[in-house]
Amino acid sequence: MRPTHSARSTVSITVLALALVACGGKQPSVAGSNKPALASTVIESVRMPLERSVDGTIEAVNQATVSAQTSGRIAEILYDVDDVVPAGAVIMRLKGTEQRAGLQGAEAALTEAQARNSEAATNYQRVADMFERRVVSKAQLDQATANRDAAAARRVAAEAGLTTARAGVGYTEVRAPYGGVVTKRLVQVGESVSPGTPLMTGLSLKDLRVNTYVPQSIVMEVRRLKRAAIYVADRRVEATKITIFPEVAVQTSAFRARLDLPSGALDLAPGMYVKVGLVIGDADRLMAPASALIERSEVTGLYVIDPKGNLSFRYVRPGHRFGDEVEILAGLVAGEHIALDPIAAGARLSAESRR
């Protein structure tokens, strides 16, 4: 018995449903091909910043040399080169025998000045009362007034001397002005120092910037757009601020520029060389997902799928990376399909080659 029209329709629907389940919701194979489909994407031209590449040097925003603020002999050095120092930490101590003796003397002088001031104030009040009763002369009142004012002035001077003495004792403990890394130690334990003697140099790795030079031919575009980025390995980091100095550097005949970087954005060190991309306009770029690229020896390539579903490995020349995508400078044209999973594509191509 031949199946009826209704039965043939039911069988067709069942086969179609099974086919959809087998595909798992993925894109079907290219028309005319019975090969399983690979996850792919179409290479398209994207409008991206046009950059001029120049060299730059990393430097720390905060870097300083700590100097002695009092005289003494180095008693202890608590940090050395390459040590990380918290902000406000004691990095060095001086023998403060003279400073502590001066503090004790200042405290005694203040105690005496306070007693003299209290005595002079009491005597003035007594003489003033007697003058009102016309028991003493005006000259005696004037003398008591002068003694009171002089005692008050000596008390103020003693208080200032005590403040200075306390600061002198405080200066025997040299503290870090901010958190950072020690780059130079300039003294040894036991060495005598005086105010102004350099002790230790350090810098902060939290805030970094880049020094570079902008060629005269593009300085107007860079000033107008005020956009730039640095490239470190496969990372691209936008500068937060661009400062262009108003005069041409004699050595390079270019304008010196400074690029501020995001705080804590990269693992960089002052003195490192980086590539700087100065934005001078926009341009069309071919962009491919970075995960689709694969490196073989010293070259880079990806898997291309032709209209018939045939798979091939093609070498390309990558450019700068923008987030999760990489610019393709050569090897591809807009509209081509590439495999998103290079591992799966490589396995399929290997299997086909063994047939």
Protein backbone atom coordinates (compact mmCIF):
# COMPACT_ATOMS: atom_id res chain seq x y z
CA MET A 1 0.00 0.00 0.00
CA ARG A 2 1.40 3.45 -0.93
CA PRO A 3 1.43 6.06 1.87
CA THR A 4 -1.18 8.75 1.69
CA HIS A 5 -0.37 12.46 1.29
CA SER A 6 -1.06 13.04 5.01
CA ALA A 7 1.35 10.26 6.01
CA ARG A 8 4.13 11.62 3.75
CA SER A 9 3.72 15.10 5.35
CA THR A 10 4.01 13.64 8.83
CA VAL A 11 7.21 11.80 7.90
CA SER A 12 8.71 14.96 6.37
CA ILE A 13 7.97 17.03 9.47
CA THR A 14 9.51 14.36 11.70
CA VAL A 15 12.69 14.23 9.61
CA LEU A 16 12.98 18.04 9.65
CA ALA A 17 12.56 18.12 13.42
CA LEU A 18 15.25 15.49 13.88
CA ALA A 19 17.57 17.47 11.62
CA LEU A 20 17.09 20.64 13.66
CA VAL A 21 17.79 18.74 16.88
CA ALA A 22 20.95 17.26 15.39
CA CYS A 23 22.18 20.76 14.42
CA GLY A 24 21.80 21.87 18.01
CA GLY A 25 20.55 25.30 16.95
CA LYS A 26 23.87 26.18 15.21
CA GLN A 27 24.24 27.65 11.79
CA PRO A 28 23.69 25.03 9.09
CA SER A 29 26.37 24.00 6.64
CA VAL A 30 27.07 26.15 3.62
CA ALA A 31 24.72 25.37 0.73
CA GLY A 32 25.96 22.53 -1.41
CA SER A 33 28.15 21.05 1.36
CA ASN A 34 27.50 18.12 3.66
CA LYS A 35 30.27 19.11 6.07
CA PRO A 36 29.34 20.00 9.66
CA ALA A 37 29.07 23.71 10.32
CA LEU A 38 31.68 25.56 12.35
CA ALA A 39 30.95 28.64 14.43
CA SER A 40 32.09 31.47 12.20
CA THR A 41 31.88 35.19 11.66
CA VAL A 42 32.19 37.54 8.72
CA ILE A 43 35.18 39.88 8.54
CA GLU A 44 33.92 43.41 8.13
CA SER A 45 35.50 46.83 7.87
CA VAL A 46 35.08 48.92 11.00
CA ARG A 47 35.68 52.63 11.47
CA MET A 48 38.52 52.92 13.97
CA PRO A 49 41.01 55.61 15.10
CA LEU A 50 43.88 56.33 12.70
CA GLU A 51 47.10 56.49 14.68
CA ARG A 52 50.68 57.58 14.19
CA SER A 53 53.11 55.37 16.09
CA VAL A 54 55.96 56.96 18.08
CA ASP A 55 58.21 55.81 20.91
CA GLY A 56 57.64 56.74 24.54
CA THR A 57 59.24 56.29 27.95
CA ILE A 58 57.43 55.45 31.19
CA GLU A 59 58.07 57.65 34.22
CA ALA A 60 56.56 57.96 37.68
CA VAL A 61 54.43 60.97 38.51
CA ASN A 62 55.62 60.94 42.13
CA GLN A 63 59.37 60.55 42.58
CA ALA A 64 61.54 62.31 45.14
CA THR A 65 64.73 62.21 47.19
CA VAL A 66 64.28 62.39 50.96
CA SER A 67 66.86 64.59 52.72
CA ALA A 68 67.89 65.01 56.35
CA GLN A 69 66.16 67.83 58.24
CA THR A 70 68.43 67.74 61.29
CA SER A 71 72.02 66.86 62.15
CA GLY A 72 72.98 63.47 63.49
CA ARG A 73 74.49 60.07 62.86
CA ILE A 74 72.60 57.31 61.02
CA ALA A 75 71.54 54.76 63.61
CA GLU A 76 69.24 52.48 61.62
CA ILE A 77 68.15 51.99 58.00
CA LEU A 78 64.88 50.08 57.78
CA TYR A 79 64.42 49.87 53.99
CA ASP A 80 66.75 49.27 51.07
CA VAL A 81 66.66 49.35 47.27
CA ASP A 82 63.62 47.63 45.69
CA ASP A 83 61.74 47.52 49.01
CA VAL A 84 58.09 48.58 48.99
CA VAL A 85 57.49 51.33 51.56
CA PRO A 86 54.03 52.29 52.89
CA ALA A 87 53.15 55.96 53.09
CA GLY A 88 54.36 57.53 56.36
CA ALA A 89 56.56 54.57 57.33
CA VAL A 90 59.85 55.24 59.14
CA ILE A 91 62.61 54.49 56.64
CA MET A 92 65.61 55.68 58.66
CA ARG A 93 66.50 56.73 62.21
CA LEU A 94 69.20 59.12 63.47
CA LYS A 95 70.82 59.11 66.90
CA GLY A 96 68.86 61.91 68.54
CA THR A 97 70.86 62.47 71.75
CA GLU A 98 71.30 66.19 71.15
CA GLN A 99 67.71 66.59 69.97
CA ARG A 100 66.27 64.87 73.04
CA ALA A 101 68.48 66.94 75.31
CA GLY A 102 67.26 70.05 73.54
CA LEU A 103 63.68 68.92 74.08
CA GLN A 104 64.24 68.49 77.80
CA GLY A 105 65.80 71.93 77.97
CA ALA A 106 62.87 73.45 76.06
CA GLU A 107 60.37 71.78 78.40
CA ALA A 108 62.25 73.16 81.45
CA ALA A 109 62.43 76.63 79.89
CA LEU A 110 58.69 76.59 79.29
CA THR A 111 58.00 75.54 82.88
CA GLU A 112 60.14 78.42 84.14
CA ALA A 113 58.54 80.90 81.75
CA GLN A 114 55.07 79.87 82.85
CA ALA A 115 56.00 80.36 86.52
CA ARG A 116 57.59 83.78 85.81
CA ASN A 117 54.53 84.79 83.82
CA SER A 118 52.17 83.77 86.61
CA GLU A 119 54.28 85.64 89.17
CA ALA A 120 54.45 88.78 87.03
CA ALA A 121 50.70 88.73 86.41
CA THR A 122 49.99 88.40 90.13
CA ASN A 123 52.41 91.20 91.01
CA TYR A 124 50.89 93.47 88.36
CA GLN A 125 47.40 92.90 89.77
CA ARG A 126 48.61 93.72 93.29
CA VAL A 127 50.38 96.92 92.18
CA ALA A 128 47.36 97.96 90.09
CA ASP A 129 45.09 97.63 93.16
CA MET A 130 47.51 99.64 95.25
CA PHE A 131 47.75 102.32 92.56
CA GLU A 132 43.97 102.72 92.59
CA ARG A 133 44.20 103.36 96.35
CA ARG A 134 47.06 105.82 95.61
CA VAL A 135 49.47 103.79 97.72
CA VAL A 136 52.12 103.41 94.96
CA SER A 137 53.30 105.72 92.25
CA LYS A 138 52.57 105.61 88.52
CA ALA A 139 56.18 104.62 87.89
CA GLN A 140 55.78 101.48 90.00
CA LEU A 141 52.63 100.56 88.06
CA ASP A 142 54.47 101.05 84.77
CA GLN A 143 57.28 98.81 85.96
CA ALA A 144 54.83 96.07 87.00
CA THR A 145 53.10 96.33 83.61
CA ALA A 146 56.41 95.98 81.75
CA ASN A 147 57.39 92.97 83.85
CA ARG A 148 54.03 91.30 83.13
CA ASP A 149 54.31 91.87 79.37
CA ALA A 150 57.92 90.67 79.27
CA ALA A 151 57.04 87.50 81.18
CA ALA A 152 54.16 86.80 78.79
CA ALA A 153 56.51 87.24 75.81
CA ARG A 154 59.07 84.88 77.34
CA ARG A 155 56.33 82.29 77.83
CA VAL A 156 55.34 82.53 74.15
CA ALA A 157 59.00 82.21 73.13
CA ALA A 158 59.41 79.18 75.36
CA GLU A 159 56.35 77.55 73.78
CA ALA A 160 57.82 78.15 70.32
CA GLY A 161 61.15 76.72 71.46
CA LEU A 162 59.39 73.61 72.70
CA THR A 163 57.62 73.19 69.36
CA THR A 164 60.96 73.48 67.56
CA ALA A 165 62.60 71.00 69.90
CA ARG A 166 59.80 68.49 69.40
CA ALA A 167 60.13 68.85 65.63
CA GLY A 168 63.88 68.28 65.96
CA VAL A 169 63.26 65.00 67.77
CA GLY A 170 60.69 64.08 65.13
CA TYR A 171 63.22 64.73 62.38
CA THR A 172 65.42 61.96 63.79
CA GLU A 173 62.83 59.56 62.33
CA VAL A 174 62.80 59.96 58.55
CA ARG A 175 59.42 59.01 57.08
CA ALA A 176 58.25 58.20 53.55
CA PRO A 177 56.22 61.08 52.04
CA TYR A 178 54.10 58.57 50.05
CA GLY A 179 53.91 54.86 49.37
CA GLY A 180 56.33 53.56 46.77
CA VAL A 181 59.53 51.68 45.97
CA VAL A 182 63.07 52.58 47.05
CA THR A 183 65.33 53.17 44.03
CA LYS A 184 68.51 54.50 45.71
CA ARG A 185 70.05 54.44 49.19
CA LEU A 186 72.58 57.26 49.52
CA VAL A 187 73.95 56.82 53.09
CA GLN A 188 75.29 54.07 55.35
CA VAL A 189 74.70 53.25 59.03
CA GLY A 190 77.06 55.32 61.19
CA GLU A 191 77.44 58.11 58.66
CA SER A 192 77.01 61.69 59.93
CA VAL A 193 74.52 63.87 58.11
CA SER A 194 73.42 67.48 58.29
CA PRO A 195 70.25 69.28 57.15
CA GLY A 196 69.90 68.90 53.38
CA THR A 197 71.96 65.70 53.04
CA PRO A 198 70.21 63.32 50.54
CA LEU A 199 69.29 60.07 52.24
CA MET A 200 67.09 57.91 50.01
CA THR A 201 65.32 58.14 46.64
CA GLY A 202 62.00 56.50 45.84
CA LEU A 203 59.04 56.60 43.50
CA SER A 204 55.42 55.57 43.41
CA LEU A 205 54.25 52.95 40.88
CA LYS A 206 50.60 53.84 41.38
CA ASP A 207 50.53 56.86 39.07
CA LEU A 208 52.54 56.63 35.84
CA ARG A 209 52.83 58.70 32.68
CA VAL A 210 54.61 58.55 29.34
CA ASN A 211 57.06 61.04 27.88
CA THR A 212 57.11 61.19 24.09
CA TYR A 213 57.56 63.59 21.16
CA VAL A 214 54.94 64.64 18.62
CA PRO A 215 56.24 65.35 15.09
CA GLN A 216 55.53 68.82 13.78
CA SER A 217 53.60 67.40 10.84
CA ILE A 218 50.79 66.00 13.05
CA VAL A 219 50.89 68.25 16.11
CA MET A 220 47.79 70.21 15.03
CA GLU A 221 45.68 67.03 14.69
CA VAL A 222 46.93 65.68 18.02
CA ARG A 223 46.14 68.99 19.74
CA ARG A 224 42.66 68.99 18.24
CA LEU A 225 41.71 65.39 19.00
CA LYS A 226 43.66 64.97 22.27
CA ARG A 227 43.50 61.18 22.06
CA ALA A 228 46.32 58.67 22.39
CA ALA A 229 47.06 55.19 23.67
CA ILE A 230 50.03 53.05 24.59
CA TYR A 231 50.66 49.47 23.48
CA VAL A 232 52.24 46.92 25.80
CA ALA A 233 52.37 43.36 24.43
CA ASP A 234 48.78 42.70 23.33
CA ARG A 235 47.21 45.42 25.46
CA ARG A 236 46.06 48.87 24.41
CA VAL A 237 45.52 51.45 27.13
CA GLU A 238 43.95 54.84 26.47
CA ALA A 239 45.68 57.87 27.98
CA THR A 240 43.52 59.85 30.40
CA LYS A 241 45.14 63.18 29.55
CA ILE A 242 47.54 64.58 26.94
CA THR A 243 49.76 67.58 27.64
CA ILE A 244 51.73 69.04 24.73
CA PHE A 245 54.47 71.50 25.62
CA PRO A 246 54.29 74.78 23.70
CA GLU A 247 57.82 74.79 22.28
CA VAL A 248 59.80 72.55 19.97
CA ALA A 249 62.58 70.46 21.49
CA VAL A 250 65.88 71.41 19.86
CA GLN A 251 67.27 67.87 19.82
CA THR A 252 64.31 66.29 18.00
CA SER A 253 62.60 69.22 16.24
CA ALA A 254 59.35 67.87 17.69
CA PHE A 255 56.97 68.87 20.45
CA ARG A 256 57.43 67.16 23.78
CA ALA A 257 54.24 65.54 25.08
CA ARG A 258 53.17 63.86 28.30
CA LEU A 259 50.46 61.20 28.51
CA ASP A 260 48.82 60.42 31.85
CA LEU A 261 47.85 56.76 32.32
CA PRO A 262 44.99 55.31 34.38
CA SER A 263 45.97 54.70 37.98
CA GLY A 264 47.20 51.14 38.47
CA ALA A 265 46.25 50.13 34.92
CA LEU A 266 49.41 48.24 33.96
CA ASP A 267 52.38 46.40 35.40
CA LEU A 268 54.93 48.90 34.15
CA ALA A 269 58.14 50.31 35.56
CA PRO A 270 59.69 53.75 35.05
CA GLY A 271 62.26 53.75 32.28
CA MET A 272 60.46 51.18 30.12
CA TYR A 273 60.02 51.91 26.41
CA VAL A 274 56.52 51.61 24.94
CA LYS A 275 54.82 52.29 21.65
CA VAL A 276 52.51 55.30 21.64
CA GLY A 277 49.63 55.63 19.19
CA LEU A 278 48.75 59.30 18.57
CA VAL A 279 45.23 59.58 17.12
CA ILE A 280 45.19 61.84 14.05
CA GLY A 281 41.82 60.85 12.53
CA ASP A 282 39.68 57.82 11.59
CA ALA A 283 40.21 54.96 9.15
CA ASP A 284 38.51 51.72 8.05
CA ARG A 285 40.11 48.65 9.60
CA LEU A 286 39.51 44.92 9.21
CA MET A 287 38.91 43.53 12.69
CA ALA A 288 38.93 39.88 13.76
CA PRO A 289 38.28 38.31 17.17
CA ALA A 290 41.55 37.78 18.98
CA SER A 291 40.43 34.29 20.03
CA ALA A 292 40.21 33.24 16.37
CA LEU A 293 43.91 33.82 15.71
CA ILE A 294 46.51 31.13 16.20
CA GLU A 295 50.30 31.41 16.19
CA ARG A 296 52.56 28.97 14.38
CA SER A 297 56.24 29.47 14.92
CA GLU A 298 56.80 33.17 14.23
CA VAL A 299 53.71 33.74 12.09
CA THR A 300 50.03 34.25 12.84
CA GLY A 301 47.06 32.84 10.97
CA LEU A 302 43.43 31.81 11.18
CA TYR A 303 41.04 29.36 9.53
CA VAL A 304 39.01 30.63 6.57
CA ILE A 305 35.79 29.04 5.32
CA ASP A 306 35.07 29.48 1.61
CA PRO A 307 31.53 29.67 0.12
CA LYS A 308 31.53 25.88 -0.45
CA GLY A 309 32.38 25.14 3.17
CA ASN A 310 35.99 24.23 2.51
CA LEU A 311 38.34 25.03 5.35
CA SER A 312 41.88 26.32 4.97
CA PHE A 313 44.55 27.85 7.16
CA ARG A 314 45.72 31.29 6.06
CA TYR A 315 48.59 33.39 7.31
CA VAL A 316 47.72 37.00 8.18
CA ARG A 317 49.58 40.05 9.43
CA PRO A 318 48.00 41.32 12.65
CA GLY A 319 48.15 44.90 13.84
CA HIS A 320 47.15 46.58 17.08
CA ARG A 321 44.74 45.00 19.48
CA PHE A 322 41.54 46.84 20.43
CA GLY A 323 39.94 45.10 23.40
CA ASP A 324 38.94 41.57 22.27
CA GLU A 325 39.61 42.27 18.60
CA VAL A 326 42.78 42.49 16.51
CA GLU A 327 43.35 44.56 13.40
CA ILE A 328 44.21 42.49 10.31
CA LEU A 329 46.67 44.38 8.12
CA ALA A 330 47.08 41.78 5.38
CA GLY A 331 45.84 38.32 4.42
CA LEU A 332 42.07 38.88 4.53
CA VAL A 333 39.45 40.93 2.73
CA ALA A 334 36.09 42.18 3.91
CA GLY A 335 33.27 39.67 3.56
CA GLU A 336 35.27 36.49 4.16
CA HIS A 337 34.18 33.94 6.77
CA ILE A 338 36.57 32.81 9.50
CA ALA A 339 36.21 30.08 12.10
CA LEU A 340 35.78 31.36 15.65
CA ASP A 341 37.17 28.21 17.28
CA PRO A 342 40.65 27.54 15.87
CA ILE A 343 40.99 24.29 17.85
CA ALA A 344 37.83 22.77 16.38
CA ALA A 345 38.73 24.05 12.93
CA GLY A 346 42.23 22.60 13.15
CA ALA A 347 40.87 19.23 14.26
CA ARG A 348 38.42 19.12 11.34
CA LEU A 349 41.08 20.11 8.80
CA SER A 350 43.43 17.45 10.17
CA ALA A 351 40.71 14.82 9.93
CA GLU A 352 39.95 15.78 6.35
CA SER A 353 43.62 15.55 5.37
CA ARG A 354 43.81 11.94 6.63
CA ARG A 355 40.94 10.78 4.44
